[in-house]
């Protein structure tokens, strides 16, 4: 089944990207994604942590 927190973080970043494209509820989606990434990080293995860092970079790119 995989790590649920990791899955939630990935989905939250994808939702933030979609919200950014639609310009609706962007800030809320960004906050949800940031919280999900933070929650997931400590409960993941090294491979998942690398992927979470990539997701965090994608999220930061949305803010620019």
PDB file of N, CA and C in Angstrom:
ATOM      1  N   UNK A   1       0.818  -1.183   0.000  1.00  0.00           N
ATOM      2  CA  UNK A   1       0.000   0.000   0.000  1.00  0.00           C
ATOM      3  C   UNK A   1       0.865   1.249   0.000  1.00  0.00           C
ATOM      4  N   UNK A   2       1.990   1.222   0.638  1.00  0.00           N
ATOM      5  CA  UNK A   2       2.879   2.380   0.651  1.00  0.00           C
ATOM      6  C   UNK A   2       2.626   3.295   1.831  1.00  0.00           C
ATOM      7  N   UNK A   3       3.460   4.280   1.908  1.00  0.00           N
ATOM      8  CA  UNK A   3       3.406   5.251   2.990  1.00  0.00           C
ATOM      9  C   UNK A   3       2.288   6.257   2.718  1.00  0.00           C
ATOM     10  N   UNK A   4       1.267   6.275   3.569  1.00  0.00           N
ATOM     11  CA  UNK A   4       0.100   7.138   3.359  1.00  0.00           C
ATOM     12  C   UNK A   4       0.470   8.614   3.446  1.00  0.00           C
ATOM     13  N   UNK A   5       1.360   8.993   4.362  1.00  0.00           N
ATOM     14  CA  UNK A   5       1.758  10.399   4.456  1.00  0.00           C
ATOM     15  C   UNK A   5       2.492  10.843   3.197  1.00  0.00           C
ATOM     16  N   UNK A   6       3.320   9.966   2.649  1.00  0.00           N
ATOM     17  CA  UNK A   6       4.016  10.268   1.404  1.00  0.00           C
ATOM     18  C   UNK A   6       3.009  10.462   0.279  1.00  0.00           C
ATOM     19  N   UNK A   7       2.051   9.569   0.179  1.00  0.00           N
ATOM     20  CA  UNK A   7       1.026   9.671  -0.857  1.00  0.00           C
ATOM     21  C   UNK A   7       0.234  10.967  -0.714  1.00  0.00           C
ATOM     22  N   UNK A   8      -0.108  11.310   0.521  1.00  0.00           N
ATOM     23  CA  UNK A   8      -0.864  12.541   0.769  1.00  0.00           C
ATOM     24  C   UNK A   8      -0.065  13.775   0.369  1.00  0.00           C
ATOM     25  N   UNK A   9       1.223  13.770   0.653  1.00  0.00           N
ATOM     26  CA  UNK A   9       2.079  14.901   0.290  1.00  0.00           C
ATOM     27  C   UNK A   9       2.145  15.047  -1.219  1.00  0.00           C
ATOM     28  N   UNK A  10       2.317  13.952  -1.913  1.00  0.00           N
ATOM     29  CA  UNK A  10       2.387  13.993  -3.378  1.00  0.00           C
ATOM     30  C   UNK A  10       1.080  14.525  -3.962  1.00  0.00           C
ATOM     31  N   UNK A  11      -0.039  14.039  -3.447  1.00  0.00           N
ATOM     32  CA  UNK A  11      -1.337  14.501  -3.936  1.00  0.00           C
ATOM     33  C   UNK A  11      -1.553  15.980  -3.618  1.00  0.00           C
ATOM     34  N   UNK A  12      -1.103  16.429  -2.454  1.00  0.00           N
ATOM     35  CA  UNK A  12      -1.272  17.832  -2.074  1.00  0.00           C
ATOM     36  C   UNK A  12      -0.483  18.757  -2.993  1.00  0.00           C
ATOM     37  N   UNK A  13       0.728  18.352  -3.363  1.00  0.00           N
ATOM     38  CA  UNK A  13       1.523  19.168  -4.286  1.00  0.00           C
ATOM     39  C   UNK A  13       0.843  19.201  -5.652  1.00  0.00           C
ATOM     40  N   UNK A  14       0.334  18.075  -6.100  1.00  0.00           N
ATOM     41  CA  UNK A  14      -0.372  18.049  -7.387  1.00  0.00           C
ATOM     42  C   UNK A  14      -1.601  18.951  -7.340  1.00  0.00           C
ATOM     43  N   UNK A  15      -2.322  18.942  -6.228  1.00  0.00           N
ATOM     44  CA  UNK A  15      -3.488  19.808  -6.079  1.00  0.00           C
ATOM     45  C   UNK A  15      -3.091  21.274  -6.094  1.00  0.00           C
ATOM     46  N   UNK A  16      -1.966  21.600  -5.465  1.00  0.00           N
ATOM     47  CA  UNK A  16      -1.478  22.982  -5.460  1.00  0.00           C
ATOM     48  C   UNK A  16      -1.111  23.418  -6.876  1.00  0.00           C
ATOM     49  N   UNK A  17      -0.508  22.519  -7.629  1.00  0.00           N
ATOM     50  CA  UNK A  17      -0.166  22.838  -9.015  1.00  0.00           C
ATOM     51  C   UNK A  17      -1.425  23.091  -9.834  1.00  0.00           C
ATOM     52  N   UNK A  18      -2.444  22.287  -9.623  1.00  0.00           N
ATOM     53  CA  UNK A  18      -3.706  22.482 -10.338  1.00  0.00           C
ATOM     54  C   UNK A  18      -4.361  23.793  -9.920  1.00  0.00           C
ATOM     55  N   UNK A  19      -4.356  24.088  -8.630  1.00  0.00           N
ATOM     56  CA  UNK A  19      -4.956  25.327  -8.137  1.00  0.00           C
ATOM     57  C   UNK A  19      -4.227  26.526  -8.713  1.00  0.00           C
ATOM     58  N   UNK A  20      -2.918  26.418  -8.844  1.00  0.00           N
ATOM     59  CA  UNK A  20      -2.128  27.509  -9.403  1.00  0.00           C
ATOM     60  C   UNK A  20      -2.517  27.767 -10.856  1.00  0.00           C
ATOM     61  N   UNK A  21      -2.787  26.717 -11.579  1.00  0.00           N
ATOM     62  CA  UNK A  21      -3.192  26.858 -12.980  1.00  0.00           C
ATOM     63  C   UNK A  21      -4.576  27.486 -13.096  1.00  0.00           C
ATOM     64  N   UNK A  22      -5.440  27.207 -12.138  1.00  0.00           N
ATOM     65  CA  UNK A  22      -6.811  27.704 -12.174  1.00  0.00           C
ATOM     66  C   UNK A  22      -6.986  28.992 -11.380  1.00  0.00           C
ATOM     67  N   UNK A  23      -5.962  29.411 -10.655  1.00  0.00           N
ATOM     68  CA  UNK A  23      -5.992  30.626  -9.841  1.00  0.00           C
ATOM     69  C   UNK A  23      -7.104  30.626  -8.797  1.00  0.00           C
ATOM     70  N   UNK A  24      -7.527  29.470  -8.358  1.00  0.00           N
ATOM     71  CA  UNK A  24      -8.561  29.409  -7.329  1.00  0.00           C
ATOM     72  C   UNK A  24      -8.019  28.691  -6.106  1.00  0.00           C
ATOM     73  N   UNK A  25      -8.194  29.297  -4.970  1.00  0.00           N
ATOM     74  CA  UNK A  25      -7.763  28.712  -3.692  1.00  0.00           C
ATOM     75  C   UNK A  25      -6.281  28.350  -3.692  1.00  0.00           C
ATOM     76  N   UNK A  26      -5.476  29.162  -4.324  1.00  0.00           N
ATOM     77  CA  UNK A  26      -4.052  28.863  -4.461  1.00  0.00           C
ATOM     78  C   UNK A  26      -3.372  28.814  -3.101  1.00  0.00           C
ATOM     79  N   UNK A  27      -3.582  29.839  -2.282  1.00  0.00           N
ATOM     80  CA  UNK A  27      -2.880  29.907  -0.997  1.00  0.00           C
ATOM     81  C   UNK A  27      -3.254  28.741  -0.093  1.00  0.00           C
ATOM     82  N   UNK A  28      -4.521  28.378  -0.069  1.00  0.00           N
ATOM     83  CA  UNK A  28      -4.950  27.244   0.754  1.00  0.00           C
ATOM     84  C   UNK A  28      -4.301  25.952   0.277  1.00  0.00           C
ATOM     85  N   UNK A  29      -4.291  25.739  -1.017  1.00  0.00           N
ATOM     86  CA  UNK A  29      -3.681  24.523  -1.572  1.00  0.00           C
ATOM     87  C   UNK A  29      -2.187  24.487  -1.274  1.00  0.00           C
ATOM     88  N   UNK A  30      -1.532  25.640  -1.345  1.00  0.00           N
ATOM     89  CA  UNK A  30      -0.100  25.706  -1.041  1.00  0.00           C
ATOM     90  C   UNK A  30       0.148  25.349   0.426  1.00  0.00           C
ATOM     91  N   UNK A  31      -0.670  25.886   1.311  1.00  0.00           N
ATOM     92  CA  UNK A  31      -0.501  25.604   2.743  1.00  0.00           C
ATOM     93  C   UNK A  31      -0.737  24.130   3.050  1.00  0.00           C
ATOM     94  N   UNK A  32      -1.742  23.547   2.429  1.00  0.00           N
ATOM     95  CA  UNK A  32      -2.017  22.121   2.629  1.00  0.00           C
ATOM     96  C   UNK A  32      -0.823  21.298   2.156  1.00  0.00           C
ATOM     97  N   UNK A  33      -0.285  21.648   0.999  1.00  0.00           N
ATOM     98  CA  UNK A  33       0.857  20.909   0.450  1.00  0.00           C
ATOM     99  C   UNK A  33       2.084  21.043   1.341  1.00  0.00           C
ATOM    100  N   UNK A  34       2.355  22.247   1.825  1.00  0.00           N
ATOM    101  CA  UNK A  34       3.509  22.447   2.714  1.00  0.00           C
ATOM    102  C   UNK A  34       3.373  21.622   3.982  1.00  0.00           C
ATOM    103  N   UNK A  35       2.182  21.617   4.565  1.00  0.00           N
ATOM    104  CA  UNK A  35       1.955  20.835   5.785  1.00  0.00           C
ATOM    105  C   UNK A  35       2.090  19.339   5.514  1.00  0.00           C
ATOM    106  N   UNK A  36       1.585  18.901   4.384  1.00  0.00           N
ATOM    107  CA  UNK A  36       1.676  17.479   4.042  1.00  0.00           C
ATOM    108  C   UNK A  36       3.127  17.059   3.839  1.00  0.00           C
ATOM    109  N   UNK A  37       3.900  17.904   3.171  1.00  0.00           N
ATOM    110  CA  UNK A  37       5.320  17.593   2.968  1.00  0.00           C
ATOM    111  C   UNK A  37       6.050  17.514   4.304  1.00  0.00           C
ATOM    112  N   UNK A  38       5.766  18.464   5.165  1.00  0.00           N
ATOM    113  CA  UNK A  38       6.415  18.491   6.472  1.00  0.00           C
ATOM    114  C   UNK A  38       6.060  17.246   7.288  1.00  0.00           C
ATOM    115  N   UNK A  39       4.800  16.883   7.285  1.00  0.00           N
ATOM    116  CA  UNK A  39       4.353  15.707   8.042  1.00  0.00           C
ATOM    117  C   UNK A  39       4.951  14.420   7.499  1.00  0.00           C
ATOM    118  N   UNK A  40       5.058  14.333   6.205  1.00  0.00           N
ATOM    119  CA  UNK A  40       5.522  13.095   5.585  1.00  0.00           C
ATOM    120  C   UNK A  40       7.018  12.877   5.745  1.00  0.00           C
ATOM    121  N   UNK A  41       7.788  13.930   5.773  1.00  0.00           N
ATOM    122  CA  UNK A  41       9.245  13.810   5.689  1.00  0.00           C
ATOM    123  C   UNK A  41       9.845  12.907   6.769  1.00  0.00           C
ATOM    124  N   UNK A  42       9.437  13.090   7.999  1.00  0.00           N
ATOM    125  CA  UNK A  42      10.065  12.324   9.084  1.00  0.00           C
ATOM    126  C   UNK A  42       9.650  10.857   9.094  1.00  0.00           C
ATOM    127  N   UNK A  43       8.603  10.527   8.345  1.00  0.00           N
ATOM    128  CA  UNK A  43       8.110   9.152   8.335  1.00  0.00           C
ATOM    129  C   UNK A  43       8.430   8.424   7.039  1.00  0.00           C
ATOM    130  N   UNK A  44       9.474   8.861   6.338  1.00  0.00           N
ATOM    131  CA  UNK A  44       9.798   8.262   5.056  1.00  0.00           C
ATOM    132  C   UNK A  44      11.216   7.719   5.036  1.00  0.00           C
ATOM    133  N   UNK A  45      11.472   6.854   4.082  1.00  0.00           N
ATOM    134  CA  UNK A  45      12.828   6.344   3.892  1.00  0.00           C
ATOM    135  C   UNK A  45      13.605   7.323   3.007  1.00  0.00           C
ATOM    136  N   UNK A  46      14.868   7.019   2.749  1.00  0.00           N
ATOM    137  CA  UNK A  46      15.725   7.943   1.990  1.00  0.00           C
ATOM    138  C   UNK A  46      15.218   8.193   0.575  1.00  0.00           C
ATOM    139  N   UNK A  47      14.758   7.165  -0.085  1.00  0.00           N
ATOM    140  CA  UNK A  47      14.257   7.327  -1.456  1.00  0.00           C
ATOM    141  C   UNK A  47      13.024   8.233  -1.473  1.00  0.00           C
ATOM    142  N   UNK A  48      12.130   8.027  -0.527  1.00  0.00           N
ATOM    143  CA  UNK A  48      10.939   8.873  -0.448  1.00  0.00           C
ATOM    144  C   UNK A  48      11.318  10.308  -0.080  1.00  0.00           C
ATOM    145  N   UNK A  49      12.326  10.464   0.783  1.00  0.00           N
ATOM    146  CA  UNK A  49      12.763  11.816   1.152  1.00  0.00           C
ATOM    147  C   UNK A  49      13.300  12.573  -0.060  1.00  0.00           C
ATOM    148  N   UNK A  50      14.027  11.883  -0.934  1.00  0.00           N
ATOM    149  CA  UNK A  50      14.504  12.526  -2.170  1.00  0.00           C
ATOM    150  C   UNK A  50      13.326  12.991  -3.016  1.00  0.00           C
ATOM    151  N   UNK A  51      12.328  12.135  -3.125  1.00  0.00           N
ATOM    152  CA  UNK A  51      11.148  12.486  -3.901  1.00  0.00           C
ATOM    153  C   UNK A  51      10.384  13.642  -3.261  1.00  0.00           C
ATOM    154  N   UNK A  52      10.324  13.643  -1.940  1.00  0.00           N
ATOM    155  CA  UNK A  52       9.649  14.747  -1.237  1.00  0.00           C
ATOM    156  C   UNK A  52      10.397  16.062  -1.448  1.00  0.00           C
ATOM    157  N   UNK A  53      11.731  16.010  -1.488  1.00  0.00           N
ATOM    158  CA  UNK A  53      12.500  17.228  -1.773  1.00  0.00           C
ATOM    159  C   UNK A  53      12.193  17.738  -3.174  1.00  0.00           C
ATOM    160  N   UNK A  54      12.054  16.820  -4.116  1.00  0.00           N
ATOM    161  CA  UNK A  54      11.680  17.219  -5.479  1.00  0.00           C
ATOM    162  C   UNK A  54      10.289  17.854  -5.492  1.00  0.00           C
ATOM    163  N   UNK A  55       9.367  17.274  -4.744  1.00  0.00           N
ATOM    164  CA  UNK A  55       8.021  17.846  -4.651  1.00  0.00           C
ATOM    165  C   UNK A  55       8.065  19.233  -4.018  1.00  0.00           C
ATOM    166  N   UNK A  56       8.918  19.387  -3.011  1.00  0.00           N
ATOM    167  CA  UNK A  56       9.050  20.685  -2.353  1.00  0.00           C
ATOM    168  C   UNK A  56       9.602  21.723  -3.339  1.00  0.00           C
ATOM    169  N   UNK A  57      10.543  21.322  -4.177  1.00  0.00           N
ATOM    170  CA  UNK A  57      11.076  22.231  -5.199  1.00  0.00           C
ATOM    171  C   UNK A  57       9.985  22.637  -6.178  1.00  0.00           C
ATOM    172  N   UNK A  58       9.147  21.693  -6.565  1.00  0.00           N
ATOM    173  CA  UNK A  58       8.042  22.021  -7.466  1.00  0.00           C
ATOM    174  C   UNK A  58       7.109  23.031  -6.821  1.00  0.00           C
ATOM    175  N   UNK A  59       6.853  22.838  -5.538  1.00  0.00           N
ATOM    176  CA  UNK A  59       5.982  23.753  -4.803  1.00  0.00           C
ATOM    177  C   UNK A  59       6.611  25.137  -4.713  1.00  0.00           C
ATOM    178  N   UNK A  60       7.907  25.190  -4.456  1.00  0.00           N
ATOM    179  CA  UNK A  60       8.604  26.483  -4.387  1.00  0.00           C
ATOM    180  C   UNK A  60       8.581  27.185  -5.736  1.00  0.00           C
ATOM    181  N   UNK A  61       8.674  26.431  -6.826  1.00  0.00           N
ATOM    182  CA  UNK A  61       8.610  27.027  -8.148  1.00  0.00           C
ATOM    183  C   UNK A  61       7.258  27.679  -8.417  1.00  0.00           C
ATOM    184  N   UNK A  62       6.206  27.136  -7.813  1.00  0.00           N
ATOM    185  CA  UNK A  62       4.880  27.734  -7.974  1.00  0.00           C
ATOM    186  C   UNK A  62       4.808  29.109  -7.290  1.00  0.00           C
ATOM    187  N   UNK A  63       5.566  29.252  -6.221  1.00  0.00           N
ATOM    188  CA  UNK A  63       5.536  30.509  -5.463  1.00  0.00           C
ATOM    189  C   UNK A  63       6.275  31.636  -6.158  1.00  0.00           C
ATOM    190  N   UNK A  64       7.153  31.299  -7.083  1.00  0.00           N
ATOM    191  CA  UNK A  64       7.966  32.324  -7.749  1.00  0.00           C
ATOM    192  C   UNK A  64       7.203  33.036  -8.831  1.00  0.00           C
TER     193      UNK A  64
END
